[in-house]
Structures are given as structure tokens and as C-alpha cells.
C-alpha atoms as a PDB file:
ATOM      1  CA  MET A   1     -12.328 -10.193  18.602  1.00  0.00           C
ATOM      2  CA  ARG A   2      -9.825  -8.036  16.739  1.00  0.00           C
ATOM      3  CA  ARG A   3     -11.106  -4.190  15.494  1.00  0.00           C
ATOM      4  CA  VAL A   4     -10.664  -3.557  11.742  1.00  0.00           C
ATOM      5  CA  THR A   5      -9.759   0.274  11.535  1.00  0.00           C
ATOM      6  CA  TYR A   6      -9.840   3.061   8.636  1.00  0.00           C
ATOM      7  CA  SER A   7      -7.006   5.439   9.516  1.00  0.00           C
ATOM      8  CA  MET A   8      -6.269   8.095   6.377  1.00  0.00           C
ATOM      9  CA  ASN A   9      -5.475  11.412   5.992  1.00  0.00           C
ATOM     10  CA  VAL A  10      -8.204  13.717   4.831  1.00  0.00           C
ATOM     11  CA  SER A  11      -9.011  17.081   3.734  1.00  0.00           C
ATOM     12  CA  LEU A  12     -11.821  19.274   5.355  1.00  0.00           C
ATOM     13  CA  ASP A  13     -13.632  18.710   2.119  1.00  0.00           C
ATOM     14  CA  GLY A  14     -13.215  14.442   2.408  1.00  0.00           C
ATOM     15  CA  TYR A  15     -10.648  13.120  -0.118  1.00  0.00           C
ATOM     16  CA  ILE A  16      -7.317  11.481   0.725  1.00  0.00           C
ATOM     17  CA  VAL A  17      -5.943  12.271  -2.900  1.00  0.00           C
ATOM     18  CA  GLY A  18      -6.787  15.719  -4.982  1.00  0.00           C
ATOM     19  CA  PRO A  19      -8.267  15.561  -8.322  1.00  0.00           C
ATOM     20  CA  ASP A  20      -4.783  15.776  -9.560  1.00  0.00           C
ATOM     21  CA  GLY A  21      -3.635  12.774  -8.510  1.00  0.00           C
ATOM     22  CA  ARG A  22      -1.868  14.613  -5.283  1.00  0.00           C
ATOM     23  CA  PHE A  23      -1.814  14.295  -1.572  1.00  0.00           C
ATOM     24  CA  ASP A  24       1.395  16.294  -0.727  1.00  0.00           C
ATOM     25  CA  TRP A  25      -1.002  18.555   1.665  1.00  0.00           C
ATOM     26  CA  SER A  26      -0.862  15.665   3.680  1.00  0.00           C
ATOM     27  CA  GLY A  27       2.662  15.766   4.478  1.00  0.00           C
ATOM     28  CA  PRO A  28       2.497  15.150   8.082  1.00  0.00           C
ATOM     29  CA  ASP A  29       5.050  18.051  10.305  1.00  0.00           C
ATOM     30  CA  GLU A  30       6.836  16.091  13.605  1.00  0.00           C
ATOM     31  CA  GLU A  31       4.170  16.370  15.814  1.00  0.00           C
ATOM     32  CA  VAL A  32       1.647  15.032  13.210  1.00  0.00           C
ATOM     33  CA  PHE A  33       4.611  11.772  11.947  1.00  0.00           C
ATOM     34  CA  ARG A  34       5.078  11.053  15.879  1.00  0.00           C
ATOM     35  CA  PHE A  35       1.466  10.175  15.703  1.00  0.00           C
ATOM     36  CA  TRP A  36       1.313   7.883  13.011  1.00  0.00           C
ATOM     37  CA  ILE A  37       3.998   6.094  14.918  1.00  0.00           C
ATOM     38  CA  GLU A  38       2.179   5.303  17.626  1.00  0.00           C
ATOM     39  CA  GLU A  39      -1.161   5.052  15.652  1.00  0.00           C
ATOM     40  CA  ILE A  40       0.826   2.454  13.594  1.00  0.00           C
ATOM     41  CA  ARG A  41       1.924   0.097  16.653  1.00  0.00           C
ATOM     42  CA  GLY A  42      -1.144  -0.836  17.033  1.00  0.00           C
ATOM     43  CA  VAL A  43      -1.513  -3.016  14.274  1.00  0.00           C
ATOM     44  CA  GLY A  44      -1.772  -6.269  13.850  1.00  0.00           C
ATOM     45  CA  VAL A  45      -2.104  -6.711  10.223  1.00  0.00           C
ATOM     46  CA  HIS A  46      -2.257  -4.024   7.688  1.00  0.00           C
ATOM     47  CA  LEU A  47      -4.900  -4.300   4.545  1.00  0.00           C
ATOM     48  CA  LEU A  48      -4.162  -2.493   1.254  1.00  0.00           C
ATOM     49  CA  GLY A  49      -5.270  -1.516  -2.042  1.00  0.00           C
ATOM     50  CA  ARG A  50      -3.103  -1.437  -4.751  1.00  0.00           C
ATOM     51  CA  ARG A  51      -2.336   1.696  -5.280  1.00  0.00           C
ATOM     52  CA  LEU A  52      -1.550   2.608  -1.260  1.00  0.00           C
ATOM     53  CA  TYR A  53       0.558  -0.790  -1.646  1.00  0.00           C
ATOM     54  CA  GLU A  54       2.309   0.738  -4.323  1.00  0.00           C
ATOM     55  CA  THR A  55       2.970   4.277  -2.251  1.00  0.00           C
ATOM     56  CA  MET A  56       3.595   2.494   0.468  1.00  0.00           C
ATOM     57  CA  LEU A  57       6.567   0.321  -1.331  1.00  0.00           C
ATOM     58  CA  TYR A  58       8.922   3.386  -0.471  1.00  0.00           C
ATOM     59  CA  TRP A  59       9.229   2.135   2.984  1.00  0.00           C
ATOM     60  CA  GLU A  60      10.490  -1.299   2.182  1.00  0.00           C
ATOM     61  CA  THR A  61      14.048   0.221   1.588  1.00  0.00           C
ATOM     62  CA  ALA A  62      14.045   3.344   3.676  1.00  0.00           C
ATOM     63  CA  ASP A  63      16.007   1.993   6.250  1.00  0.00           C
ATOM     64  CA  GLN A  64      19.145   2.348   3.744  1.00  0.00           C
ATOM     65  CA  GLU A  65      18.019   6.379   3.467  1.00  0.00           C
ATOM     66  CA  PRO A  66      21.007   8.471   4.225  1.00  0.00           C
ATOM     67  CA  SER A  67      18.588  11.282   4.689  1.00  0.00           C
ATOM     68  CA  PHE A  68      16.032   9.777   6.958  1.00  0.00           C
ATOM     69  CA  ASP A  69      16.117  11.026  10.636  1.00  0.00           C
ATOM     70  CA  ASP A  70      15.069   8.978  13.499  1.00  0.00           C
ATOM     71  CA  SER A  71      11.338   9.120  13.534  1.00  0.00           C
ATOM     72  CA  MET A  72      11.405   8.032  10.071  1.00  0.00           C
ATOM     73  CA  ARG A  73      14.337   5.125  10.637  1.00  0.00           C
ATOM     74  CA  GLU A  74      11.565   4.288  13.541  1.00  0.00           C
ATOM     75  CA  TRP A  75       8.652   4.246  11.229  1.00  0.00           C
ATOM     76  CA  ALA A  76      10.235   1.873   8.633  1.00  0.00           C
ATOM     77  CA  SER A  77      11.298  -0.407  11.491  1.00  0.00           C
ATOM     78  CA  LEU A  78       7.417  -0.886  12.497  1.00  0.00           C
ATOM     79  CA  TRP A  79       5.552  -0.918   8.560  1.00  0.00           C
ATOM     80  CA  ASN A  80       8.399  -2.948   7.124  1.00  0.00           C
ATOM     81  CA  PRO A  81       7.770  -6.694   9.517  1.00  0.00           C
ATOM     82  CA  LEU A  82       3.885  -5.281   9.359  1.00  0.00           C
ATOM     83  CA  PRO A  83       2.219  -7.974   7.995  1.00  0.00           C
ATOM     84  CA  LYS A  84       0.282  -7.289   4.685  1.00  0.00           C
ATOM     85  CA  VAL A  85      -2.724  -8.504   2.954  1.00  0.00           C
ATOM     86  CA  VAL A  86      -2.827  -7.106  -0.843  1.00  0.00           C
ATOM     87  CA  PHE A  87      -5.728  -6.615  -2.358  1.00  0.00           C
ATOM     88  CA  SER A  88      -5.256  -6.645  -6.427  1.00  0.00           C
ATOM     89  CA  THR A  89      -6.579  -7.997  -9.596  1.00  0.00           C
ATOM     90  CA  THR A  90      -3.784  -6.321 -11.581  1.00  0.00           C
ATOM     91  CA  LEU A  91      -0.537  -7.381  -9.107  1.00  0.00           C
ATOM     92  CA  SER A  92       1.120 -10.737  -9.470  1.00  0.00           C
ATOM     93  CA  ALA A  93       3.293 -10.493  -6.703  1.00  0.00           C
ATOM     94  CA  VAL A  94       4.308  -8.285  -3.523  1.00  0.00           C
ATOM     95  CA  GLN A  95       7.155  -8.021  -2.094  1.00  0.00           C
ATOM     96  CA  GLY A  96       8.278  -7.544   2.119  1.00  0.00           C
ATOM     97  CA  HIS A  97       6.202  -9.050   4.581  1.00  0.00           C
ATOM     98  CA  ALA A  98       3.043  -8.963   2.225  1.00  0.00           C
ATOM     99  CA  ARG A  99       0.797 -11.063   0.742  1.00  0.00           C
ATOM    100  CA  LEU A 100      -2.010 -11.109  -1.861  1.00  0.00           C
ATOM    101  CA  ALA A 101      -5.256 -11.906  -1.037  1.00  0.00           C
ATOM    102  CA  SER A 102      -6.428 -15.025  -1.505  1.00  0.00           C
ATOM    103  CA  GLY A 103     -10.437 -14.058  -1.044  1.00  0.00           C
ATOM    104  CA  GLY A 104     -11.970 -11.742  -1.004  1.00  0.00           C
ATOM    105  CA  LEU A 105     -12.183  -8.537   1.419  1.00  0.00           C
ATOM    106  CA  ALA A 106     -15.357 -10.682   3.798  1.00  0.00           C
ATOM    107  CA  GLU A 107     -13.646 -13.562   3.434  1.00  0.00           C
ATOM    108  CA  GLU A 108     -10.115 -12.149   4.469  1.00  0.00           C
ATOM    109  CA  ILE A 109     -11.344 -10.161   7.119  1.00  0.00           C
ATOM    110  CA  GLU A 110     -13.171 -13.112   8.387  1.00  0.00           C
ATOM    111  CA  ARG A 111     -10.346 -15.581   8.579  1.00  0.00           C
ATOM    112  CA  LEU A 112      -8.288 -12.737  10.313  1.00  0.00           C
ATOM    113  CA  ARG A 113     -10.833 -11.962  12.942  1.00  0.00           C
ATOM    114  CA  ALA A 114     -10.480 -15.813  13.708  1.00  0.00           C
ATOM    115  CA  GLU A 115      -6.581 -16.312  14.132  1.00  0.00           C
ATOM    116  CA  PRO A 116      -4.998 -15.703  17.522  1.00  0.00           C
ATOM    117  CA  GLY A 117      -2.745 -12.397  17.059  1.00  0.00           C
ATOM    118  CA  GLU A 118      -2.497  -9.244  18.355  1.00  0.00           C
ATOM    119  CA  GLY A 119      -3.037  -5.754  17.497  1.00  0.00           C
ATOM    120  CA  GLU A 120      -6.313  -4.013  14.767  1.00  0.00           C
ATOM    121  CA  ILE A 121      -6.903  -5.341  11.595  1.00  0.00           C
ATOM    122  CA  ALA A 122      -6.044  -1.681   9.911  1.00  0.00           C
ATOM    123  CA  ILE A 123      -7.184  -0.943   6.258  1.00  0.00           C
ATOM    124  CA  GLY A 124      -5.821   1.185   4.236  1.00  0.00           C
ATOM    125  CA  GLY A 125      -7.034   2.971   0.710  1.00  0.00           C
ATOM    126  CA  ALA A 126     -10.390   4.617   0.677  1.00  0.00           C
ATOM    127  CA  THR A 127     -11.700   1.896  -2.054  1.00  0.00           C
ATOM    128  CA  LEU A 128     -10.943  -0.657  -0.454  1.00  0.00           C
ATOM    129  CA  ALA A 129     -12.243   1.004   2.874  1.00  0.00           C
ATOM    130  CA  ALA A 130     -15.528   1.788   0.779  1.00  0.00           C
ATOM    131  CA  GLU A 131     -16.141  -2.005   0.265  1.00  0.00           C
ATOM    132  CA  ALA A 132     -15.420  -2.837   3.870  1.00  0.00           C
ATOM    133  CA  ALA A 133     -17.606  -0.123   5.273  1.00  0.00           C
ATOM    134  CA  GLU A 134     -20.424  -1.424   2.377  1.00  0.00           C
ATOM    135  CA  LEU A 135     -20.164  -4.587   4.002  1.00  0.00           C
ATOM    136  CA  GLY A 136     -20.499  -3.612   7.270  1.00  0.00           C
ATOM    137  CA  LEU A 137     -17.253  -4.497   8.228  1.00  0.00           C
ATOM    138  CA  ILE A 138     -15.528  -1.220   9.550  1.00  0.00           C
ATOM    139  CA  ASP A 139     -15.658  -0.826  13.366  1.00  0.00           C
ATOM    140  CA  GLU A 140     -13.859   2.306  13.879  1.00  0.00           C
ATOM    141  CA  TYR A 141     -12.908   5.074  11.302  1.00  0.00           C
ATOM    142  CA  ARG A 142      -9.773   7.768  12.576  1.00  0.00           C
ATOM    143  CA  ALA A 143      -9.646  10.397  10.050  1.00  0.00           C
ATOM    144  CA  ILE A 144      -6.642  13.279  10.075  1.00  0.00           C
ATOM    145  CA  VAL A 145      -8.276  16.301   8.704  1.00  0.00           C
ATOM    146  CA  TYR A 146      -5.769  18.975   6.948  1.00  0.00           C
ATOM    147  CA  PRO A 147      -6.956  22.182   6.608  1.00  0.00           C
ATOM    148  CA  VAL A 148      -6.955  22.329   2.976  1.00  0.00           C
ATOM    149  CA  LEU A 149      -9.482  22.132   0.484  1.00  0.00           C
ATOM    150  CA  VAL A 150      -9.109  20.475  -2.303  1.00  0.00           C
ATOM    151  CA  GLY A 151     -12.088  20.393  -4.355  1.00  0.00           C
ATOM    152  CA  GLY A 152     -12.739  16.585  -5.319  1.00  0.00           C
ATOM    153  CA  GLY A 153     -10.813  13.312  -6.008  1.00  0.00           C
ATOM    154  CA  ILE A 154     -10.834   9.987  -3.975  1.00  0.00           C
ATOM    155  CA  PRO A 155     -13.220  10.474  -1.138  1.00  0.00           C
ATOM    156  CA  PHE A 156     -12.262   8.952   2.541  1.00  0.00           C
ATOM    157  CA  PHE A 157     -16.008   7.983   3.108  1.00  0.00           C
ATOM    158  CA  PRO A 158     -17.485   5.608   0.560  1.00  0.00           C
ATOM    159  CA  ARG A 159     -20.678   7.922  -1.354  1.00  0.00           C
ATOM    160  CA  HIS A 160     -23.017   5.359  -0.299  1.00  0.00           C
ATOM    161  CA  GLU A 161     -26.763   5.427   0.547  1.00  0.00           C
ATOM    162  CA  ARG A 162     -25.933   3.861   3.885  1.00  0.00           C
ATOM    163  CA  HIS A 163     -26.250   5.367   7.272  1.00  0.00           C
ATOM    164  CA  VAL A 164     -24.430   4.452   9.905  1.00  0.00           C
ATOM    165  CA  ASP A 165     -24.427   6.093  13.631  1.00  0.00           C
ATOM    166  CA  LEU A 166     -20.857   6.629  15.124  1.00  0.00           C
ATOM    167  CA  GLU A 167     -19.482   7.234  18.573  1.00  0.00           C
ATOM    168  CA  LEU A 168     -16.760   9.350  19.402  1.00  0.00           C
ATOM    169  CA  VAL A 169     -13.860   8.041  21.338  1.00  0.00           C
ATOM    170  CA  GLU A 170     -11.437  11.090  20.925  1.00  0.00           C
ATOM    171  CA  THR A 171     -10.369  14.336  19.343  1.00  0.00           C
ATOM    172  CA  ARG A 172      -6.632  15.986  18.669  1.00  0.00           C
ATOM    173  CA  THR A 173      -5.926  18.930  17.271  1.00  0.00           C
ATOM    174  CA  PHE A 174      -2.328  19.299  16.988  1.00  0.00           C
ATOM    175  CA  SER A 175      -0.252  22.262  16.372  1.00  0.00           C
ATOM    176  CA  SER A 176      -0.134  22.671  12.798  1.00  0.00           C
ATOM    177  CA  LYS A 177      -4.335  22.660  12.953  1.00  0.00           C
ATOM    178  CA  VAL A 178      -4.483  19.352  11.824  1.00  0.00           C
ATOM    179  CA  VAL A 179      -6.920  17.921  13.697  1.00  0.00           C
ATOM    180  CA  TYR A 180      -7.533  13.733  14.455  1.00  0.00           C
ATOM    181  CA  PHE A 181     -11.105  12.236  14.766  1.00  0.00           C
ATOM    182  CA  HIS A 182     -11.754   8.823  16.462  1.00  0.00           C
ATOM    183  CA  TYR A 183     -15.475   7.048  16.255  1.00  0.00           C
ATOM    184  CA  ARG A 184     -16.588   3.660  16.916  1.00  0.00           C
ATOM    185  CA  VAL A 185     -19.024   2.866  15.080  1.00  0.00           C
ATOM    186  CA  ALA A 186     -22.477   2.430  16.784  1.00  0.00           C
ATOM    187  CA  ARG A 187     -24.151  -1.481  17.502  1.00  0.00           C
END
């Protein structure tokens, strides 16, 4: 069965976006960006909330950007053809290899797990991931922790009173002092 994974950059105090809405503190260096490229290779479909979808639209035309280096072009070449499912109550259309979700999150994940296919079902966006976590649908949490305190904003982890035991799968420290934590939900 395909795993559901939640991966995002996060501040040490637990936020993916600061109280001012900014996330420029999480701009990856070459080593971390290369890690994200390898991570996306294992994804078969990506589930996104509206805000993350709109942020990632940038990459739809990135391959035409003359200032991009080889790594950025490689990321775009992997991201753009990747099937995406967007959960939004305000969007009426999406672009590229994306489609609007036709049902609820649980139904969509159940359908994707039942389909033949390779790669993980990745969730991006803290609000969507919080809903998936509350429903017990996330199999793995992967956090790229940046050495910064932002003091508030959108939390990486849902703030519901729910106990979940995790098993450490992998850690990695990058030369920039960013740390990767990979946990599997203990079932």
C-alpha cells in the first residue's frame, strides 16, 4: 500500500511560515535543495492545499527562467509532470498536471492508495496535513528543521490533543546546520 508522507521545511519552534506570512528563512542551500530533489523522486502524487499550490505555481514556468541553474531546472523537470491534487473551496480551476479534489481528503487518499502506481502520496501544506493527521492518514513525518525561531505563524504539527507514537527512521545534519528528521507512525 502506498504511504502517505508529510514533508516540509520548519523552524525550530515548529512553524512552516512565520507570523508575518514569510518563509524566506527556509530558502535551501545547494545541499538541502539537492536533498529535496531526491525526495521528490519518490513521490507518485502530491496533495496540496490552496496556499501551497499557489506558491508552487512559480515552478510551472521555471524551466523558461534563464537565471536558473541546473538544480533548479532539474527540480522543475520533476515537479511539473508530477500529478497533483489540490484541495480548495475557492479555486474553480488549476493548471499543469494538477486537478481539483473531487471528494474529501479521506476519500481521495483511499482512492489513491487503491490505484496501481508507484511512489508515495505526499501531502504539502500544514492545514491539509493537520486534517490528514487528525484522520490518522499520515504514515510518515519528514521535517527539515531550520535553526531559526520565528515566534509564531502556521504550525508544522496540528495543535489537536492527539497522541501519536513515532519511530525514528533517519536523521541527517546538513553543512548549513539544517537537520532532517524522518519518523514513521508506529501502528
